[in-house]
C-alpha atoms as a PDB file:
ATOM      1  CA  MET A   1      79.544  99.444  58.400  1.00  0.00           C
ATOM      2  CA  ASN A   2      79.213  95.564  57.246  1.00  0.00           C
ATOM      3  CA  LYS A   3      77.503  94.790  54.244  1.00  0.00           C
ATOM      4  CA  THR A   4      76.396  91.408  52.615  1.00  0.00           C
ATOM      5  CA  CYS A   5      77.861  89.783  49.595  1.00  0.00           C
ATOM      6  CA  GLU A   6      75.070  88.953  47.258  1.00  0.00           C
ATOM      7  CA  VAL A   7      76.976  85.824  46.077  1.00  0.00           C
ATOM      8  CA  CYS A   8      78.285  84.116  49.312  1.00  0.00           C
ATOM      9  CA  GLY A   9      76.399  85.855  51.891  1.00  0.00           C
ATOM     10  CA  ASN A  10      79.282  86.930  54.024  1.00  0.00           C
ATOM     11  CA  GLU A  11      79.026  90.111  56.181  1.00  0.00           C
ATOM     12  CA  TYR A  12      82.182  92.185  55.562  1.00  0.00           C
ATOM     13  CA  ASP A  13      83.369  95.477  56.654  1.00  0.00           C
ATOM     14  CA  LYS A  14      85.326  95.794  53.441  1.00  0.00           C
ATOM     15  CA  ALA A  15      82.612  94.747  51.245  1.00  0.00           C
ATOM     16  CA  PHE A  16      82.238  96.956  47.711  1.00  0.00           C
ATOM     17  CA  GLU A  17      79.705  97.995  45.736  1.00  0.00           C
ATOM     18  CA  VAL A  18      79.443  97.938  41.849  1.00  0.00           C
ATOM     19  CA  SER A  19      77.253  99.453  39.486  1.00  0.00           C
ATOM     20  CA  MET A  20      76.487  97.781  36.129  1.00  0.00           C
ATOM     21  CA  ALA A  21      73.746  98.343  33.680  1.00  0.00           C
ATOM     22  CA  GLY A  22      71.875 100.641  36.190  1.00  0.00           C
ATOM     23  CA  LYS A  23      71.880  97.905  39.021  1.00  0.00           C
ATOM     24  CA  ARG A  24      73.792  98.006  42.350  1.00  0.00           C
ATOM     25  CA  HIS A  25      75.676  94.877  43.408  1.00  0.00           C
ATOM     26  CA  VAL A  26      77.653  94.274  46.784  1.00  0.00           C
ATOM     27  CA  PHE A  27      80.472  91.820  46.935  1.00  0.00           C
ATOM     28  CA  ASP A  28      83.053  90.903  49.627  1.00  0.00           C
ATOM     29  CA  SER A  29      85.770  89.673  47.178  1.00  0.00           C
ATOM     30  CA  PHE A  30      86.563  90.310  43.464  1.00  0.00           C
ATOM     31  CA  GLU A  31      86.080  86.649  43.207  1.00  0.00           C
ATOM     32  CA  CYS A  32      82.238  86.878  44.084  1.00  0.00           C
ATOM     33  CA  ALA A  33      82.149  89.743  41.466  1.00  0.00           C
ATOM     34  CA  ILE A  34      83.606  88.008  38.755  1.00  0.00           C
ATOM     35  CA  GLN A  35      81.240  85.037  39.239  1.00  0.00           C
ATOM     36  CA  SER A  36      78.317  87.179  39.269  1.00  0.00           C
ATOM     37  CA  LEU A  37      79.060  89.817  36.819  1.00  0.00           C
ATOM     38  CA  ALA A  38      81.744  88.364  34.112  1.00  0.00           C
ATOM     39  CA  PRO A  39      80.239  86.924  31.057  1.00  0.00           C
ATOM     40  CA  ARG A  40      80.858  83.286  30.175  1.00  0.00           C
ATOM     41  CA  CYS A  41      82.620  82.037  26.784  1.00  0.00           C
ATOM     42  CA  ALA A  42      80.152  80.930  24.204  1.00  0.00           C
ATOM     43  CA  HIS A  43      82.401  77.882  23.523  1.00  0.00           C
ATOM     44  CA  CYS A  44      84.252  76.643  26.494  1.00  0.00           C
ATOM     45  CA  GLY A  45      82.075  78.435  29.407  1.00  0.00           C
ATOM     46  CA  CYS A  46      84.938  79.866  31.330  1.00  0.00           C
ATOM     47  CA  ARG A  47      84.326  83.367  32.803  1.00  0.00           C
ATOM     48  CA  VAL A  48      85.794  86.076  30.720  1.00  0.00           C
ATOM     49  CA  ILE A  49      87.814  88.321  33.012  1.00  0.00           C
ATOM     50  CA  GLY A  50      89.907  89.816  30.205  1.00  0.00           C
ATOM     51  CA  HIS A  51      88.963  91.712  27.188  1.00  0.00           C
ATOM     52  CA  GLY A  52      87.861  88.607  25.402  1.00  0.00           C
ATOM     53  CA  THR A  53      86.398  88.879  21.837  1.00  0.00           C
ATOM     54  CA  GLU A  54      82.730  89.261  20.805  1.00  0.00           C
ATOM     55  CA  ALA A  55      81.453  88.165  17.409  1.00  0.00           C
ATOM     56  CA  GLY A  56      77.727  87.782  16.190  1.00  0.00           C
ATOM     57  CA  GLY A  57      76.383  88.963  19.591  1.00  0.00           C
ATOM     58  CA  ARG A  58      78.531  86.136  21.362  1.00  0.00           C
ATOM     59  CA  THR A  59      81.326  86.828  23.756  1.00  0.00           C
ATOM     60  CA  PHE A  60      84.395  84.472  23.451  1.00  0.00           C
ATOM     61  CA  CYS A  61      87.493  84.353  25.766  1.00  0.00           C
ATOM     62  CA  CYS A  62      89.966  83.770  22.795  1.00  0.00           C
ATOM     63  CA  ALA A  63      90.150  83.555  19.272  1.00  0.00           C
ATOM     64  CA  HIS A  64      90.606  79.772  19.425  1.00  0.00           C
ATOM     65  CA  CYS A  65      87.231  79.212  21.047  1.00  0.00           C
ATOM     66  CA  ALA A  66      85.875  81.630  18.527  1.00  0.00           C
ATOM     67  CA  HIS A  67      87.285  79.604  15.607  1.00  0.00           C
ATOM     68  CA  SER A  68      85.913  76.535  17.452  1.00  0.00           C
ATOM     69  CA  ALA A  69      82.503  77.649  17.336  1.00  0.00           C
ATOM     70  CA  GLY A  70      82.534  78.768  13.681  1.00  0.00           C
ATOM     71  CA  VAL A  71      83.786  82.551  13.767  1.00  0.00           C
ATOM     72  CA  HIS A  72      86.814  82.902  11.802  1.00  0.00           C
ATOM     73  CA  GLU A  73      86.844  86.873  11.539  1.00  0.00           C
ATOM     74  CA  VAL A  74      89.003  87.214  14.817  1.00  0.00           C
ATOM     75  CA  ALA A  75      92.492  86.557  15.433  1.00  0.00           C
ATOM     76  CA  ASP A  76      94.832  87.013  18.581  1.00  0.00           C
ATOM     77  CA  ARG A  77      98.706  86.952  19.150  1.00  0.00           C
ATOM     78  CA  ALA A  78      98.836  83.100  19.128  1.00  0.00           C
ATOM     79  CA  GLU A  79      96.908  82.930  15.820  1.00  0.00           C
ATOM     80  CA  HIS A  80      99.473  85.049  14.324  1.00  0.00           C
ATOM     81  CA  ALA A  81     102.436  83.522  15.727  1.00  0.00           C
ATOM     82  CA  GLN A  82     101.511  80.120  13.995  1.00  0.00           C
ATOM     83  CA  HIS A  83     101.409  81.673  10.336  1.00  0.00           C
END
């Protein structure tokens, strides 16, 4: 049975469903799922598809972006390697 992707509108026999925050979503690819559901970095705007970091209610893709936005309590491996 074909389902329609909510992002691109493609009807696809291998579409899949994702349940998030009590809502059901249908996508034809992980790319569309990411575009729809992944948060954006509060500093650079990229989609956060890894763990990222959260501080002060904001999500960042990395410690560098958090630092650039004034959040200095976070660190990642790149930050440790510089010291």
